[in-house]
Amino acid sequence: MKNQTLADVSTGPDWVLPVIILIFALLSILLLSGKGGWLIAGYNTAPKEEKEKYNEKRLCRICGAGMAAVTGLMVIMEVFEDRLPASSAHAFGAAVVVICVIMVVLGNTAGRNKKG
């Protein structure tokens, strides 16, 4: 019995992941440009006094970098799905969780204004 690859265990249409990658890439570019604060959950609903404690441009770039990293992982999964073992999906999932934790920590430290 051969080892299963990601392609062997994936289900659903083949066009879904490339479309998601494209959407994530566009959102990453928007956030990396320092715009798109309205996309950041919690920040976009915060009162004006709370928003003043954060540097919106820096916060957007932190979120954009994290989103770009997740997009890169999805590109790797798509390109190498015939060669990566099925068990690598667990490693990619763990990497996404780590990236999200780093984004939250950086957003709450480096994303704040020094005076706030």
C-alpha atoms as a PDB file:
ATOM      1  CA  MET A   1       0.000   0.000   0.000  1.00  0.00           C
ATOM      2  CA  LYS A   2       1.480   3.347  -1.043  1.00  0.00           C
ATOM      3  CA  ASN A   3       1.623   6.380   1.190  1.00  0.00           C
ATOM      4  CA  GLN A   4      -1.241   8.760   0.566  1.00  0.00           C
ATOM      5  CA  THR A   5      -0.585  12.304  -0.606  1.00  0.00           C
ATOM      6  CA  LEU A   6      -2.601  15.451  -0.046  1.00  0.00           C
ATOM      7  CA  ALA A   7      -4.065  15.012  -3.531  1.00  0.00           C
ATOM      8  CA  ASP A   8      -5.277  11.510  -2.598  1.00  0.00           C
ATOM      9  CA  VAL A   9      -7.230  12.680   0.433  1.00  0.00           C
ATOM     10  CA  SER A  10      -8.487  16.043  -0.826  1.00  0.00           C
ATOM     11  CA  THR A  11     -12.151  16.304  -1.639  1.00  0.00           C
ATOM     12  CA  GLY A  12     -14.165  18.845  -3.543  1.00  0.00           C
ATOM     13  CA  PRO A  13     -13.599  20.653  -6.818  1.00  0.00           C
ATOM     14  CA  ASP A  14     -10.047  21.477  -7.896  1.00  0.00           C
ATOM     15  CA  TRP A  15     -10.835  25.170  -8.486  1.00  0.00           C
ATOM     16  CA  VAL A  16     -11.685  26.029  -4.869  1.00  0.00           C
ATOM     17  CA  LEU A  17      -8.176  26.344  -3.390  1.00  0.00           C
ATOM     18  CA  PRO A  18      -6.800  28.535  -6.229  1.00  0.00           C
ATOM     19  CA  VAL A  19      -9.776  30.887  -5.821  1.00  0.00           C
ATOM     20  CA  ILE A  20      -9.200  31.087  -2.056  1.00  0.00           C
ATOM     21  CA  ILE A  21      -5.484  31.703  -2.647  1.00  0.00           C
ATOM     22  CA  LEU A  22      -6.326  34.558  -5.022  1.00  0.00           C
ATOM     23  CA  ILE A  23      -8.729  36.136  -2.520  1.00  0.00           C
ATOM     24  CA  PHE A  24      -6.190  35.802   0.322  1.00  0.00           C
ATOM     25  CA  ALA A  25      -3.433  37.272  -1.871  1.00  0.00           C
ATOM     26  CA  LEU A  26      -5.574  40.299  -2.756  1.00  0.00           C
ATOM     27  CA  LEU A  27      -6.508  40.857   0.890  1.00  0.00           C
ATOM     28  CA  SER A  28      -2.840  40.478   1.908  1.00  0.00           C
ATOM     29  CA  ILE A  29      -1.843  43.176  -0.592  1.00  0.00           C
ATOM     30  CA  LEU A  30      -4.599  45.462   0.689  1.00  0.00           C
ATOM     31  CA  LEU A  31      -3.491  45.008   4.294  1.00  0.00           C
ATOM     32  CA  LEU A  32       0.231  45.256   3.540  1.00  0.00           C
ATOM     33  CA  SER A  33      -0.428  48.596   1.862  1.00  0.00           C
ATOM     34  CA  GLY A  34      -1.596  49.880   5.270  1.00  0.00           C
ATOM     35  CA  LYS A  35      -5.224  50.092   4.252  1.00  0.00           C
ATOM     36  CA  GLY A  36      -8.066  47.784   5.145  1.00  0.00           C
ATOM     37  CA  GLY A  37      -8.392  48.432   8.863  1.00  0.00           C
ATOM     38  CA  TRP A  38     -12.091  47.720   8.358  1.00  0.00           C
ATOM     39  CA  LEU A  39     -11.121  44.078   7.703  1.00  0.00           C
ATOM     40  CA  ILE A  40      -9.542  43.561  11.128  1.00  0.00           C
ATOM     41  CA  ALA A  41     -12.069  42.010  13.498  1.00  0.00           C
ATOM     42  CA  GLY A  42     -12.268  43.841  16.792  1.00  0.00           C
ATOM     43  CA  TYR A  43     -10.485  46.903  15.494  1.00  0.00           C
ATOM     44  CA  ASN A  44     -13.229  47.827  13.053  1.00  0.00           C
ATOM     45  CA  THR A  45     -15.899  47.659  15.765  1.00  0.00           C
ATOM     46  CA  ALA A  46     -13.881  49.353  18.493  1.00  0.00           C
ATOM     47  CA  PRO A  47     -14.914  52.794  19.726  1.00  0.00           C
ATOM     48  CA  LYS A  48     -12.884  55.781  18.526  1.00  0.00           C
ATOM     49  CA  GLU A  49     -11.087  56.096  21.899  1.00  0.00           C
ATOM     50  CA  GLU A  50      -9.880  52.478  21.652  1.00  0.00           C
ATOM     51  CA  LYS A  51      -8.807  52.876  18.014  1.00  0.00           C
ATOM     52  CA  GLU A  52      -6.625  55.839  18.989  1.00  0.00           C
ATOM     53  CA  LYS A  53      -4.489  53.453  21.081  1.00  0.00           C
ATOM     54  CA  TYR A  54      -3.400  51.616  17.908  1.00  0.00           C
ATOM     55  CA  ASN A  55      -1.343  52.557  14.888  1.00  0.00           C
ATOM     56  CA  GLU A  56      -3.773  51.494  12.147  1.00  0.00           C
ATOM     57  CA  LYS A  57      -1.164  51.335   9.387  1.00  0.00           C
ATOM     58  CA  ARG A  58       1.186  49.168  11.472  1.00  0.00           C
ATOM     59  CA  LEU A  59      -1.695  46.951  12.599  1.00  0.00           C
ATOM     60  CA  CYS A  60      -2.767  46.469   8.976  1.00  0.00           C
ATOM     61  CA  ARG A  61       0.773  45.531   7.981  1.00  0.00           C
ATOM     62  CA  ILE A  62       1.057  43.004  10.811  1.00  0.00           C
ATOM     63  CA  CYS A  63      -2.209  41.377   9.740  1.00  0.00           C
ATOM     64  CA  GLY A  64      -1.179  41.548   6.079  1.00  0.00           C
ATOM     65  CA  ALA A  65       2.126  39.821   6.776  1.00  0.00           C
ATOM     66  CA  GLY A  66       0.363  37.052   8.686  1.00  0.00           C
ATOM     67  CA  MET A  67      -2.189  36.646   5.935  1.00  0.00           C
ATOM     68  CA  ALA A  68       0.597  36.545   3.330  1.00  0.00           C
ATOM     69  CA  ALA A  69       2.299  33.780   5.319  1.00  0.00           C
ATOM     70  CA  VAL A  70      -0.914  31.743   5.405  1.00  0.00           C
ATOM     71  CA  THR A  71      -1.359  32.383   1.672  1.00  0.00           C
ATOM     72  CA  GLY A  72       2.177  31.127   1.078  1.00  0.00           C
ATOM     73  CA  LEU A  73       1.406  27.932   2.986  1.00  0.00           C
ATOM     74  CA  MET A  74      -1.695  27.397   0.849  1.00  0.00           C
ATOM     75  CA  VAL A  75       0.347  27.927  -2.319  1.00  0.00           C
ATOM     76  CA  ILE A  76       2.835  25.296  -1.137  1.00  0.00           C
ATOM     77  CA  MET A  77      -0.014  22.881  -0.431  1.00  0.00           C
ATOM     78  CA  GLU A  78      -1.532  23.497  -3.874  1.00  0.00           C
ATOM     79  CA  VAL A  79       1.705  23.240  -5.854  1.00  0.00           C
ATOM     80  CA  PHE A  80       3.082  20.201  -4.043  1.00  0.00           C
ATOM     81  CA  GLU A  81      -0.173  18.353  -3.288  1.00  0.00           C
ATOM     82  CA  ASP A  82       0.972  15.356  -5.361  1.00  0.00           C
ATOM     83  CA  ARG A  83       4.227  15.038  -3.403  1.00  0.00           C
ATOM     84  CA  LEU A  84       3.361  16.027   0.163  1.00  0.00           C
ATOM     85  CA  PRO A  85       2.166  13.230   2.450  1.00  0.00           C
ATOM     86  CA  ALA A  86      -1.406  13.480   3.696  1.00  0.00           C
ATOM     87  CA  SER A  87      -0.108  13.863   7.243  1.00  0.00           C
ATOM     88  CA  SER A  88       1.480  17.201   6.290  1.00  0.00           C
ATOM     89  CA  ALA A  89      -1.991  18.760   6.505  1.00  0.00           C
ATOM     90  CA  HIS A  90      -1.630  18.575  10.303  1.00  0.00           C
ATOM     91  CA  ALA A  91       1.681  20.454  10.155  1.00  0.00           C
ATOM     92  CA  PHE A  92       0.164  23.128   7.920  1.00  0.00           C
ATOM     93  CA  GLY A  93      -2.799  23.492  10.265  1.00  0.00           C
ATOM     94  CA  ALA A  94      -0.473  23.879  13.246  1.00  0.00           C
ATOM     95  CA  ALA A  95       1.563  26.464  11.332  1.00  0.00           C
ATOM     96  CA  VAL A  96      -1.588  28.504  10.654  1.00  0.00           C
ATOM     97  CA  VAL A  97      -2.447  28.448  14.369  1.00  0.00           C
ATOM     98  CA  VAL A  98       1.096  29.612  15.254  1.00  0.00           C
ATOM     99  CA  ILE A  99       0.902  32.408  12.670  1.00  0.00           C
ATOM    100  CA  CYS A 100      -2.435  33.561  14.116  1.00  0.00           C
ATOM    101  CA  VAL A 101      -1.047  33.606  17.658  1.00  0.00           C
ATOM    102  CA  ILE A 102       1.960  35.630  16.496  1.00  0.00           C
ATOM    103  CA  MET A 103      -0.360  38.081  14.710  1.00  0.00           C
ATOM    104  CA  VAL A 104      -2.438  38.585  17.868  1.00  0.00           C
ATOM    105  CA  VAL A 105       0.629  39.105  20.057  1.00  0.00           C
ATOM    106  CA  LEU A 106       2.258  41.528  17.609  1.00  0.00           C
ATOM    107  CA  GLY A 107      -1.016  43.343  17.064  1.00  0.00           C
ATOM    108  CA  ASN A 108      -1.370  43.937  20.791  1.00  0.00           C
ATOM    109  CA  THR A 109       2.270  44.976  21.293  1.00  0.00           C
ATOM    110  CA  ALA A 110       3.882  46.375  18.145  1.00  0.00           C
ATOM    111  CA  GLY A 111       0.530  47.557  16.791  1.00  0.00           C
ATOM    112  CA  ARG A 112      -0.089  49.902  19.718  1.00  0.00           C
ATOM    113  CA  ASN A 113       0.928  53.548  19.794  1.00  0.00           C
ATOM    114  CA  LYS A 114       3.755  54.230  22.225  1.00  0.00           C
ATOM    115  CA  LYS A 115       1.703  56.864  24.058  1.00  0.00           C
ATOM    116  CA  GLY A 116      -1.461  54.694  24.220  1.00  0.00           C
END
